[in-house]
């Protein structure tokens, strides 16, 4: 085999060994950054190395420093693993090495993006004519949707931000709930919109519809964006979309929904009620590398009016072979980007409609099992209404909760991170991985009990 084939075979063997180790290995990494630097060597070699040797050194040196994020026992952040078909498709993405911005240049990716986008809109119950852009993640999906919203509300007020910029134009008002995700604030900073106006949320993190209505009707009318949430990062709660979107419409506001993981509830008949009314918004952001479990670097920006996102994101260049009906890069911030739609299509084609439903239901079922198991521990209490995939628990005082968390990570059976919610320290469990089993839940609950007992 030539050097490329040998390197690929070496990578395959290391990858298979890594994946096979996930069922039994400790979830936290066993090596530090300094350990990995020493193993790799910090001095750039004076001459070349064979590709296979490079791959072998990288895999061997780094393996002890890898956290088992793809394990069924990682619950620290809202991230999935990688569904098998999506993982294999991602290898093809790198091998095919397509520039995926133009219909004429990569018709294969454009066709797959069109199909995957159509399937996504159907599964999530969103308007079928919406534009679907494939971004790096939910942060840039929020950015893309909010850019379309910003430009649209300014255009309604007679201001062309694409031509004239923000300076001198009417200020855009952005109204959010106090428990929105920080990615929303980051996207607003990117867009030059500054800090949003915050209205109160209830004890589960849901924006209060009455408070939103009062805020929107106070003072003179301005260009306005309202940001709602499908899936609170701590409680998993969903905003009351029917009431809030009605209030926003009366104020002529653009409505955006940050649904990084929770928007997928719409794909399950058992949980679709959580998203009731959500389809009435103007834009939606979610992550395919969360609940759908495709590899990283795959967010989804959905905009009801395709012309709005194309006006905000579209570019023109004399050297580009652009299609009269638009191109993939008209819907996202980047020109250079991976073929993200290949992995989304592979996951959806592999799972089918019933498989996506089962995936969502299974994650929720595991979250309910965690809540029941923790509630049975004498000193523990479940602090949120477990409506989706998130569980927050406390163990008496903040100090005691942190002590349990430290012991749990030292145990290594699972990774669960701490957070601060509703003014107190909590253990936050996010069930997001397709490969999590009932046995993983049982093993993790046993580890939590050991951490509580100090054994």
Protein backbone atom coordinates (compact mmCIF):
# COMPACT_ATOMS: atom_id res chain seq x y z
CA UNK A 1 0.00 0.00 0.00
CA UNK A 2 1.15 3.55 -0.59
CA UNK A 3 1.84 5.96 2.27
CA UNK A 4 -1.71 7.28 2.31
CA UNK A 5 -3.33 3.85 2.51
CA UNK A 6 -0.94 2.73 5.24
CA UNK A 7 -1.69 5.85 7.30
CA UNK A 8 -5.43 5.35 6.86
CA UNK A 9 -5.17 1.71 7.94
CA UNK A 10 -3.19 2.76 11.01
CA UNK A 11 -5.82 5.37 11.87
CA UNK A 12 -8.58 2.81 11.42
CA UNK A 13 -6.94 0.34 13.81
CA UNK A 14 -6.41 2.97 16.48
CA UNK A 15 -9.99 4.22 16.06
CA UNK A 16 -11.46 0.74 16.43
CA UNK A 17 -9.41 0.09 19.58
CA UNK A 18 -10.53 3.42 21.05
CA UNK A 19 -14.20 2.76 20.36
CA UNK A 20 -13.94 -0.77 21.76
CA UNK A 21 -12.49 0.61 25.00
CA UNK A 22 -15.44 2.90 25.75
CA UNK A 23 -17.62 0.33 27.48
CA UNK A 24 -15.09 -0.27 30.28
CA UNK A 25 -12.61 2.60 30.41
CA UNK A 26 -12.64 5.39 32.95
CA UNK A 27 -14.47 8.38 31.55
CA UNK A 28 -12.06 11.14 32.75
CA UNK A 29 -8.68 11.44 31.04
CA UNK A 30 -5.73 9.79 32.77
CA UNK A 31 -2.99 12.12 31.50
CA UNK A 32 -2.41 15.87 31.79
CA UNK A 33 -1.58 18.40 29.08
CA UNK A 34 2.07 18.31 30.15
CA UNK A 35 2.09 14.50 29.92
CA UNK A 36 0.84 14.65 26.34
CA UNK A 37 3.34 17.36 25.36
CA UNK A 38 6.18 15.21 26.66
CA UNK A 39 4.89 12.14 24.82
CA UNK A 40 4.52 14.01 21.53
CA UNK A 41 7.72 16.01 21.80
CA UNK A 42 7.69 19.78 21.65
CA UNK A 43 10.50 20.26 19.12
CA UNK A 44 9.58 20.35 15.44
CA UNK A 45 11.59 17.60 13.66
CA UNK A 46 14.23 18.77 11.21
CA UNK A 47 13.02 16.35 8.56
CA UNK A 48 9.90 14.49 7.43
CA UNK A 49 8.31 11.44 9.02
CA UNK A 50 6.24 8.75 7.35
CA UNK A 51 2.47 9.41 7.57
CA UNK A 52 1.82 6.07 9.31
CA UNK A 53 4.42 6.84 11.99
CA UNK A 54 2.87 10.26 12.55
CA UNK A 55 -0.58 8.74 12.99
CA UNK A 56 0.78 6.09 15.35
CA UNK A 57 2.59 8.66 17.50
CA UNK A 58 -0.46 10.94 17.64
CA UNK A 59 -2.81 8.13 18.66
CA UNK A 60 -0.45 6.50 21.15
CA UNK A 61 0.60 9.73 22.83
CA UNK A 62 -2.87 11.26 22.99
CA UNK A 63 -4.98 8.26 24.00
CA UNK A 64 -4.25 8.61 27.76
CA UNK A 65 -5.34 12.25 27.58
CA UNK A 66 -8.66 11.59 25.90
CA UNK A 67 -11.88 12.01 27.84
CA UNK A 68 -14.42 9.35 26.91
CA UNK A 69 -16.96 11.84 25.57
CA UNK A 70 -18.43 9.16 23.25
CA UNK A 71 -19.03 6.86 26.22
CA UNK A 72 -22.56 6.12 27.34
CA UNK A 73 -21.48 7.34 30.79
CA UNK A 74 -20.55 10.92 29.91
CA UNK A 75 -23.23 13.34 31.14
CA UNK A 76 -21.17 16.44 31.80
CA UNK A 77 -22.35 18.63 28.94
CA UNK A 78 -25.20 18.47 26.45
CA UNK A 79 -23.26 16.61 23.79
CA UNK A 80 -24.03 13.38 22.02
CA UNK A 81 -21.77 10.62 20.85
CA UNK A 82 -21.51 9.73 17.20
CA UNK A 83 -24.09 7.42 15.67
CA UNK A 84 -22.32 4.69 13.62
CA UNK A 85 -23.53 5.70 10.15
CA UNK A 86 -22.69 9.34 10.85
CA UNK A 87 -19.19 8.41 12.04
CA UNK A 88 -18.49 6.41 8.89
CA UNK A 89 -19.91 9.22 6.74
CA UNK A 90 -17.62 11.69 8.49
CA UNK A 91 -14.61 9.65 7.41
CA UNK A 92 -15.89 9.95 3.86
CA UNK A 93 -16.30 13.71 4.32
CA UNK A 94 -12.56 14.02 4.98
CA UNK A 95 -11.62 11.60 2.19
CA UNK A 96 -13.89 13.24 -0.37
CA UNK A 97 -12.58 16.69 0.68
CA UNK A 98 -15.37 18.61 -1.00
CA UNK A 99 -15.75 22.38 -1.07
CA UNK A 100 -19.44 22.50 -0.25
CA UNK A 101 -20.43 26.09 -0.97
CA UNK A 102 -21.66 25.98 -4.58
CA UNK A 103 -24.22 23.82 -6.37
CA UNK A 104 -22.15 23.72 -9.53
CA UNK A 105 -18.93 22.71 -7.77
CA UNK A 106 -20.26 19.98 -5.46
CA UNK A 107 -23.63 18.77 -6.72
CA UNK A 108 -23.38 15.68 -4.51
CA UNK A 109 -23.22 17.65 -1.27
CA UNK A 110 -25.86 20.13 -2.41
CA UNK A 111 -28.26 17.29 -3.22
CA UNK A 112 -27.63 15.67 0.17
CA UNK A 113 -28.03 19.04 1.92
CA UNK A 114 -31.35 19.63 0.16
CA UNK A 115 -32.66 16.20 1.16
CA UNK A 116 -31.38 16.37 4.74
CA UNK A 117 -32.84 19.84 5.14
CA UNK A 118 -36.23 18.65 3.91
CA UNK A 119 -36.16 15.70 6.30
CA UNK A 120 -35.18 17.92 9.22
CA UNK A 121 -38.04 20.35 8.63
CA UNK A 122 -40.46 17.44 8.50
CA UNK A 123 -39.14 15.80 11.69
CA UNK A 124 -39.04 19.05 13.65
CA UNK A 125 -42.46 20.21 12.47
CA UNK A 126 -41.13 23.45 10.96
CA UNK A 127 -42.45 25.28 7.85
CA UNK A 128 -41.53 23.21 4.81
CA UNK A 129 -40.29 26.18 2.74
CA UNK A 130 -37.78 27.32 5.37
CA UNK A 131 -34.07 27.67 4.56
CA UNK A 132 -31.75 25.24 6.39
CA UNK A 133 -28.11 26.22 6.80
CA UNK A 134 -25.40 23.93 8.17
CA UNK A 135 -23.10 25.80 10.58
CA UNK A 136 -20.31 24.86 12.99
CA UNK A 137 -22.68 24.56 15.94
CA UNK A 138 -25.57 26.18 17.79
CA UNK A 139 -23.64 29.37 18.53
CA UNK A 140 -23.18 30.13 14.84
CA UNK A 141 -26.68 28.87 14.10
CA UNK A 142 -28.00 31.45 16.56
CA UNK A 143 -25.73 34.05 14.98
CA UNK A 144 -27.03 33.26 11.50
CA UNK A 145 -30.69 33.38 12.50
CA UNK A 146 -30.29 36.53 14.57
CA UNK A 147 -28.43 38.23 11.72
CA UNK A 148 -31.42 37.54 9.48
CA UNK A 149 -33.70 38.87 12.22
CA UNK A 150 -31.60 41.98 12.83
CA UNK A 151 -31.50 42.91 9.16
CA UNK A 152 -35.22 42.24 8.71
CA UNK A 153 -36.47 44.35 11.63
CA UNK A 154 -34.17 47.20 10.56
CA UNK A 155 -35.38 46.93 6.99
CA UNK A 156 -38.98 47.22 8.23
CA UNK A 157 -37.92 50.48 9.88
CA UNK A 158 -36.46 51.80 6.64
CA UNK A 159 -32.81 51.11 7.45
CA UNK A 160 -30.52 49.09 5.14
CA UNK A 161 -27.89 47.63 7.47
CA UNK A 162 -26.09 45.78 4.68
CA UNK A 163 -25.41 49.07 2.92
CA UNK A 164 -25.19 51.54 5.80
CA UNK A 165 -24.06 49.48 8.79
CA UNK A 166 -25.44 49.85 12.30
CA UNK A 167 -24.06 53.29 13.14
CA UNK A 168 -26.75 55.92 12.82
CA UNK A 169 -29.56 53.43 12.43
CA UNK A 170 -32.43 52.81 14.84
CA UNK A 171 -31.36 50.72 17.85
CA UNK A 172 -32.49 47.12 17.80
CA UNK A 173 -34.14 45.88 20.96
CA UNK A 174 -33.51 42.23 21.87
CA UNK A 175 -35.68 40.72 24.61
CA UNK A 176 -34.68 37.43 26.27
CA UNK A 177 -35.52 35.37 29.33
CA UNK A 178 -33.14 35.56 32.26
CA UNK A 179 -32.21 31.87 31.90
CA UNK A 180 -31.25 31.94 28.20
CA UNK A 181 -28.03 30.23 27.16
CA UNK A 182 -24.83 32.29 27.02
CA UNK A 183 -24.47 31.44 23.31
CA UNK A 184 -27.33 33.85 22.62
CA UNK A 185 -25.48 36.71 24.31
CA UNK A 186 -22.32 35.82 22.39
CA UNK A 187 -24.14 35.88 19.06
CA UNK A 188 -25.65 39.26 19.93
CA UNK A 189 -22.18 40.63 20.68
CA UNK A 190 -20.93 39.34 17.33
CA UNK A 191 -23.82 41.15 15.67
CA UNK A 192 -23.14 44.47 17.39
CA UNK A 193 -26.42 44.34 19.31
CA UNK A 194 -24.93 44.48 22.79
CA UNK A 195 -26.57 43.20 25.94
CA UNK A 196 -30.19 42.10 25.61
CA UNK A 197 -33.12 43.26 27.71
CA UNK A 198 -33.96 40.55 30.22
CA UNK A 199 -37.40 39.56 31.49
CA UNK A 200 -38.12 37.21 34.36
CA UNK A 201 -38.25 33.44 34.09
CA UNK A 202 -40.00 30.99 36.39
CA UNK A 203 -38.31 28.51 38.72
CA UNK A 204 -37.71 26.10 35.82
CA UNK A 205 -36.13 28.71 33.56
CA UNK A 206 -39.20 29.30 31.35
CA UNK A 207 -39.68 32.90 30.26
CA UNK A 208 -42.82 34.36 31.83
CA UNK A 209 -45.28 35.21 29.07
CA UNK A 210 -46.92 37.99 31.08
CA UNK A 211 -43.58 39.63 31.81
CA UNK A 212 -42.66 39.44 28.14
CA UNK A 213 -45.92 41.04 27.07
CA UNK A 214 -45.47 43.87 29.58
CA UNK A 215 -41.93 44.50 28.39
CA UNK A 216 -42.96 44.57 24.73
CA UNK A 217 -45.79 47.02 25.30
CA UNK A 218 -43.74 49.41 27.45
CA UNK A 219 -42.45 52.55 25.75
CA UNK A 220 -42.47 53.40 22.07
CA UNK A 221 -42.23 50.65 19.48
CA UNK A 222 -38.74 49.88 18.14
CA UNK A 223 -37.20 47.23 15.87
CA UNK A 224 -37.42 44.19 18.14
CA UNK A 225 -36.20 40.62 18.34
CA UNK A 226 -37.54 38.16 20.90
CA UNK A 227 -35.41 35.11 21.74
CA UNK A 228 -37.16 32.06 23.18
CA UNK A 229 -35.77 28.73 24.36
CA UNK A 230 -36.53 25.09 23.64
CA UNK A 231 -34.75 23.20 26.39
CA UNK A 232 -33.23 25.02 29.38
CA UNK A 233 -29.63 23.94 29.91
CA UNK A 234 -30.33 23.05 33.57
CA UNK A 235 -33.96 21.98 33.80
CA UNK A 236 -34.69 21.04 30.18
CA UNK A 237 -37.81 23.25 30.36
CA UNK A 238 -39.42 24.81 27.29
CA UNK A 239 -40.77 28.34 27.01
CA UNK A 240 -44.56 28.73 26.55
CA UNK A 241 -44.40 29.33 22.80
CA UNK A 242 -48.06 29.93 22.06
CA UNK A 243 -48.42 32.85 24.45
CA UNK A 244 -44.99 34.35 23.92
CA UNK A 245 -45.08 34.22 20.14
CA UNK A 246 -48.55 35.79 20.16
CA UNK A 247 -47.21 38.67 22.26
CA UNK A 248 -44.18 39.07 20.00
CA UNK A 249 -46.35 39.14 16.88
CA UNK A 250 -48.45 41.92 18.35
CA UNK A 251 -45.23 43.90 18.79
CA UNK A 252 -44.11 43.15 15.20
CA UNK A 253 -41.02 41.42 16.59
CA UNK A 254 -38.86 38.79 14.94
CA UNK A 255 -39.07 35.60 17.01
CA UNK A 256 -36.07 33.31 17.28
CA UNK A 257 -35.96 29.98 19.15
CA UNK A 258 -32.69 28.67 20.58
CA UNK A 259 -33.32 24.93 20.57
CA UNK A 260 -29.79 23.55 20.69
CA UNK A 261 -30.91 20.17 22.04
CA UNK A 262 -34.58 20.61 22.90
CA UNK A 263 -35.93 21.31 19.42
CA UNK A 264 -35.64 17.56 18.80
CA UNK A 265 -38.54 16.96 21.18
CA UNK A 266 -40.77 17.72 18.20
CA UNK A 267 -39.61 14.45 16.60
CA UNK A 268 -41.26 12.36 19.32
CA UNK A 269 -45.06 12.07 19.68
CA UNK A 270 -44.52 11.63 23.42
CA UNK A 271 -42.62 14.93 23.80
CA UNK A 272 -43.81 17.07 20.88
CA UNK A 273 -46.22 18.88 23.22
CA UNK A 274 -43.19 20.62 24.71
CA UNK A 275 -42.69 22.46 21.42
CA UNK A 276 -46.38 23.35 20.85
CA UNK A 277 -46.55 26.68 19.03
CA UNK A 278 -42.80 26.73 18.36
CA UNK A 279 -43.32 26.49 14.59
CA UNK A 280 -44.87 29.95 14.69
CA UNK A 281 -41.45 31.59 15.14
CA UNK A 282 -39.31 33.16 12.40
CA UNK A 283 -36.10 31.20 12.99
CA UNK A 284 -34.74 28.27 14.95
CA UNK A 285 -31.25 27.11 15.92
CA UNK A 286 -30.25 23.61 16.93
CA UNK A 287 -27.29 21.24 17.01
CA UNK A 288 -27.11 18.02 15.04
CA UNK A 289 -24.11 17.01 17.17
CA UNK A 290 -26.26 17.04 20.29
CA UNK A 291 -29.50 15.04 20.27
CA UNK A 292 -29.08 13.66 16.73
CA UNK A 293 -25.57 12.39 17.58
CA UNK A 294 -23.55 13.28 14.51
CA UNK A 295 -19.85 14.26 14.82
CA UNK A 296 -18.90 17.70 16.07
CA UNK A 297 -19.02 20.78 13.84
CA UNK A 298 -22.66 20.57 12.82
CA UNK A 299 -25.23 23.16 13.81
CA UNK A 300 -28.47 23.92 12.01
CA UNK A 301 -29.82 27.41 11.29
CA UNK A 302 -33.43 27.37 10.09
CA UNK A 303 -35.08 30.56 8.81
CA UNK A 304 -38.73 30.69 7.75
CA UNK A 305 -38.09 33.29 5.01
CA UNK A 306 -35.19 32.11 2.82
CA UNK A 307 -34.78 35.59 1.35
CA UNK A 308 -34.09 36.97 4.83
CA UNK A 309 -31.14 34.69 5.53
CA UNK A 310 -29.79 35.09 2.00
CA UNK A 311 -29.91 38.87 2.40
CA UNK A 312 -27.92 38.58 5.63
CA UNK A 313 -25.45 35.84 4.67
CA UNK A 314 -25.20 35.93 0.88
CA UNK A 315 -21.98 36.90 -0.88
CA UNK A 316 -21.05 37.68 -4.45
CA UNK A 317 -17.81 37.12 -6.31
CA UNK A 318 -17.01 37.30 -10.01
CA UNK A 319 -15.02 34.07 -9.80
CA UNK A 320 -17.85 32.11 -8.13
CA UNK A 321 -20.08 29.90 -10.26
CA UNK A 322 -23.34 30.87 -8.61
CA UNK A 323 -26.72 29.33 -9.24
CA UNK A 324 -29.75 31.46 -10.01
CA UNK A 325 -31.76 29.72 -7.30
CA UNK A 326 -29.10 30.18 -4.62
CA UNK A 327 -26.24 28.14 -3.18
CA UNK A 328 -25.47 26.51 0.18
CA UNK A 329 -23.17 29.35 1.23
CA UNK A 330 -26.07 31.83 0.99
CA UNK A 331 -27.38 30.40 4.28
CA UNK A 332 -24.26 30.35 6.50
CA UNK A 333 -21.38 32.66 7.49
CA UNK A 334 -18.56 30.60 5.95
CA UNK A 335 -17.21 29.88 2.50
CA UNK A 336 -14.74 27.17 3.50
CA UNK A 337 -16.58 24.46 5.41
CA UNK A 338 -16.91 20.71 5.82
CA UNK A 339 -19.58 18.64 4.13
CA UNK A 340 -21.75 18.60 7.23
CA UNK A 341 -24.89 17.51 5.45
CA UNK A 342 -23.35 14.13 4.60
CA UNK A 343 -23.25 13.13 8.28
CA UNK A 344 -26.73 14.48 9.01
CA UNK A 345 -28.17 12.61 6.03
CA UNK A 346 -26.40 9.42 7.12
CA UNK A 347 -27.76 9.62 10.67
CA UNK A 348 -31.30 10.33 9.49
CA UNK A 349 -31.20 7.66 6.77
CA UNK A 350 -29.83 5.12 9.24
CA UNK A 351 -32.35 5.88 12.00
CA UNK A 352 -35.42 6.62 9.92
CA UNK A 353 -38.39 8.41 11.43
CA UNK A 354 -39.05 5.73 14.06
CA UNK A 355 -35.36 5.58 15.00
CA UNK A 356 -35.19 9.33 15.66
CA UNK A 357 -38.33 9.04 17.79
CA UNK A 358 -36.85 6.10 19.70
CA UNK A 359 -33.59 8.00 20.23
CA UNK A 360 -35.39 10.97 21.79
CA UNK A 361 -37.64 8.73 23.90
CA UNK A 362 -34.70 6.65 25.11
CA UNK A 363 -32.70 9.69 26.23
CA UNK A 364 -35.72 10.98 28.14
CA UNK A 365 -36.35 7.57 29.69
CA UNK A 366 -32.78 7.44 30.98
CA UNK A 367 -33.15 10.94 32.45
CA UNK A 368 -36.28 9.81 34.29
CA UNK A 369 -34.38 6.79 35.63
CA UNK A 370 -31.63 9.06 36.92
CA UNK A 371 -34.18 11.26 38.65
CA UNK A 372 -35.84 8.26 40.33
CA UNK A 373 -32.53 6.76 41.38
CA UNK A 374 -31.17 9.99 42.85
CA UNK A 375 -34.44 10.75 44.66
CA UNK A 376 -34.05 7.42 46.45
CA UNK A 377 -30.69 8.49 47.94
CA UNK A 378 -31.35 9.73 51.45
CA UNK A 379 -29.43 13.01 51.34
CA UNK A 380 -30.18 13.82 47.67
CA UNK A 381 -32.96 15.81 46.09
CA UNK A 382 -33.94 16.33 42.46
CA UNK A 383 -34.38 20.07 41.98
CA UNK A 384 -36.01 20.37 38.55
CA UNK A 385 -39.13 19.03 36.91
CA UNK A 386 -37.59 16.36 34.67
CA UNK A 387 -39.48 16.95 31.43
CA UNK A 388 -36.77 16.11 28.89
CA UNK A 389 -33.12 15.04 29.17
CA UNK A 390 -31.79 17.22 32.01
CA UNK A 391 -31.59 16.39 35.71
CA UNK A 392 -30.33 18.73 38.44
CA UNK A 393 -29.70 17.35 41.91
CA UNK A 394 -28.46 18.69 45.22
CA UNK A 395 -26.87 16.92 48.17
CA UNK A 396 -27.62 19.23 51.08
CA UNK A 397 -25.21 22.16 51.24
CA UNK A 398 -23.23 23.56 48.31
CA UNK A 399 -20.04 22.25 49.91
CA UNK A 400 -21.49 18.75 50.22
CA UNK A 401 -22.68 18.79 46.61
CA UNK A 402 -19.20 19.75 45.41
CA UNK A 403 -17.69 17.04 47.61
CA UNK A 404 -19.92 14.40 46.00
CA UNK A 405 -19.03 15.68 42.54
CA UNK A 406 -15.30 15.52 43.28
CA UNK A 407 -15.56 11.96 44.56
CA UNK A 408 -17.61 10.97 41.55
CA UNK A 409 -14.99 12.24 39.09
CA UNK A 410 -12.23 10.57 41.10
CA UNK A 411 -14.17 7.31 40.86
CA UNK A 412 -14.04 7.60 37.05
CA UNK A 413 -17.10 5.49 36.26
CA UNK A 414 -18.92 8.49 34.83
CA UNK A 415 -18.44 12.16 34.14
CA UNK A 416 -21.08 14.47 35.61
CA UNK A 417 -20.32 18.15 36.00
CA UNK A 418 -21.40 20.65 38.59
CA UNK A 419 -23.12 23.96 38.00
CA UNK A 420 -24.88 26.75 39.84
CA UNK A 421 -28.64 26.96 39.31
CA UNK A 422 -31.30 28.90 41.18
CA UNK A 423 -28.64 30.17 43.56
CA UNK A 424 -27.20 26.82 44.63
CA UNK A 425 -24.61 24.29 43.54
CA UNK A 426 -26.05 21.32 41.66
CA UNK A 427 -25.05 18.09 40.01
CA UNK A 428 -26.22 18.54 36.40
CA UNK A 429 -26.86 15.38 34.39
CA UNK A 430 -27.32 15.72 30.64
CA UNK A 431 -28.40 12.53 28.89
CA UNK A 432 -27.46 13.01 25.25
CA UNK A 433 -25.61 9.95 23.94
CA UNK A 434 -27.28 7.42 21.66
CA UNK A 435 -25.15 4.63 23.17
CA UNK A 436 -26.19 5.13 26.80
CA UNK A 437 -27.81 1.94 28.09
CA UNK A 438 -29.82 1.03 31.16
CA UNK A 439 -26.67 -0.65 32.47
CA UNK A 440 -24.76 2.64 32.05
CA UNK A 441 -27.43 4.39 34.12
CA UNK A 442 -27.28 1.70 36.80
CA UNK A 443 -23.47 1.83 36.95
CA UNK A 444 -23.56 5.62 37.20
CA UNK A 445 -26.16 5.62 39.98
CA UNK A 446 -24.02 3.10 41.87
CA UNK A 447 -21.05 5.47 41.47
CA UNK A 448 -23.15 8.38 42.82
CA UNK A 449 -24.11 6.29 45.84
CA UNK A 450 -20.43 5.45 46.44
CA UNK A 451 -19.56 9.14 46.19
CA UNK A 452 -22.22 9.96 48.76
CA UNK A 453 -20.98 7.23 51.08
CA UNK A 454 -17.35 8.28 50.65
CA UNK A 455 -16.29 4.82 49.47
